[in-house]
Amino acid sequence: MSPGTNFSASFGHMCGYDAQYYGYMWSEVFSDDLFQSAFRADPMSRTAGRKYCDLVLAPGGSKDAADMLESFLGRPPNLDAFLTAKGLRSGSH
């Protein structure tokens, strides 16, 4: 940054990439929810891994990602694990 300039006006990645940064955060919301819900107790669980393969990986693009996520979790995804991981909410995660 040049002295006397406004950093936020000179940070090039915010121009054109803003939607991707937003998308990255949502992917972290979903991955935190998946991990805390199914893999926290045993990250190498064959049962959870097989369920993930069957319900998320195998269908690939043939199903809507939100539907696959809900099918795997057995409920709609939520922000709880993400907020807890960021220190914004205390919880059991």
Protein backbone atom coordinates (compact mmCIF):
# COMPACT_ATOMS: atom_id res chain seq x y z
CA MET A 1 0.00 0.00 0.00
CA SER A 2 1.30 3.42 -0.87
CA PRO A 3 1.50 5.90 2.01
CA GLY A 4 -1.47 8.26 2.13
CA THR A 5 -3.80 5.97 0.18
CA ASN A 6 -6.88 4.06 1.25
CA PHE A 7 -6.04 0.35 1.59
CA SER A 8 -9.58 -0.88 1.00
CA ALA A 9 -9.69 1.08 -2.26
CA SER A 10 -6.38 -0.42 -3.39
CA PHE A 11 -6.94 -4.05 -2.43
CA GLY A 12 -7.51 -5.55 -5.86
CA HIS A 13 -8.97 -8.87 -4.75
CA MET A 14 -12.13 -7.19 -3.52
CA CYS A 15 -12.96 -6.18 -7.07
CA GLY A 16 -14.41 -9.19 -8.84
CA TYR A 17 -13.72 -11.75 -6.13
CA ASP A 18 -16.21 -10.63 -3.51
CA ALA A 19 -18.75 -13.34 -4.40
CA GLN A 20 -16.08 -16.04 -4.22
CA TYR A 21 -15.04 -14.97 -0.72
CA TYR A 22 -18.70 -15.16 0.31
CA GLY A 23 -18.89 -18.63 -1.25
CA TYR A 24 -15.76 -19.74 0.60
CA MET A 25 -17.35 -18.82 3.90
CA TRP A 26 -20.51 -20.78 3.09
CA SER A 27 -18.44 -23.82 2.19
CA GLU A 28 -16.79 -23.51 5.60
CA VAL A 29 -20.22 -23.34 7.26
CA PHE A 30 -21.20 -26.60 5.58
CA SER A 31 -17.88 -28.36 6.20
CA ASP A 32 -17.91 -27.41 9.90
CA ASP A 33 -21.48 -28.72 10.20
CA LEU A 34 -20.56 -31.99 8.43
CA PHE A 35 -17.45 -32.53 10.50
CA GLN A 36 -19.00 -31.74 13.87
CA SER A 37 -22.11 -33.78 13.11
CA ALA A 38 -20.56 -36.90 11.65
CA PHE A 39 -16.78 -37.02 12.01
CA ARG A 40 -15.79 -35.23 15.23
CA ALA A 41 -15.90 -38.31 17.45
CA ASP A 42 -13.97 -40.42 14.91
CA PRO A 43 -12.62 -38.63 11.84
CA MET A 44 -11.72 -42.00 10.29
CA SER A 45 -15.13 -43.58 10.88
CA ARG A 46 -15.82 -46.08 8.12
CA THR A 47 -19.56 -45.79 8.73
CA ALA A 48 -19.62 -41.99 8.40
CA GLY A 49 -17.24 -42.13 5.46
CA ARG A 50 -19.38 -44.69 3.63
CA LYS A 51 -22.52 -42.64 4.29
CA TYR A 52 -20.75 -39.53 2.93
CA CYS A 53 -19.63 -41.42 -0.17
CA ASP A 54 -23.09 -42.83 -0.79
CA LEU A 55 -25.15 -39.71 -0.12
CA VAL A 56 -22.84 -36.90 -1.25
CA LEU A 57 -20.03 -38.08 -3.50
CA ALA A 58 -21.77 -40.81 -5.51
CA PRO A 59 -24.68 -38.67 -6.76
CA GLY A 60 -22.23 -35.95 -7.81
CA GLY A 61 -23.94 -33.30 -9.89
CA SER A 62 -27.07 -35.37 -10.45
CA LYS A 63 -28.67 -33.96 -7.29
CA ASP A 64 -28.84 -30.51 -5.77
CA ALA A 65 -26.00 -30.02 -3.27
CA ALA A 66 -28.37 -28.67 -0.60
CA ASP A 67 -30.53 -31.80 -0.89
CA MET A 68 -27.50 -34.08 -0.59
CA LEU A 69 -26.27 -32.19 2.45
CA GLU A 70 -29.65 -32.39 4.15
CA SER A 71 -29.90 -36.09 3.32
CA PHE A 72 -26.49 -36.75 4.87
CA LEU A 73 -27.14 -34.69 8.00
CA GLY A 74 -30.72 -35.88 8.45
CA ARG A 75 -31.72 -32.24 8.96
CA PRO A 76 -31.22 -28.88 7.30
CA PRO A 77 -27.68 -27.56 7.74
CA ASN A 78 -27.14 -24.80 10.30
CA LEU A 79 -24.53 -22.27 11.40
CA ASP A 80 -23.95 -23.58 14.93
CA ALA A 81 -20.69 -25.47 14.33
CA PHE A 82 -19.28 -22.61 12.23
CA LEU A 83 -20.09 -19.95 14.81
CA THR A 84 -18.65 -22.10 17.58
CA ALA A 85 -15.45 -22.69 15.57
CA LYS A 86 -15.07 -18.94 15.09
CA GLY A 87 -15.59 -18.30 18.81
CA LEU A 88 -18.84 -16.46 18.21
CA ARG A 89 -21.02 -18.94 20.09
CA SER A 90 -20.28 -21.31 22.88
CA GLY A 91 -21.55 -24.80 22.37
CA SER A 92 -20.90 -28.47 22.64
CA HIS A 93 -18.81 -28.48 19.46
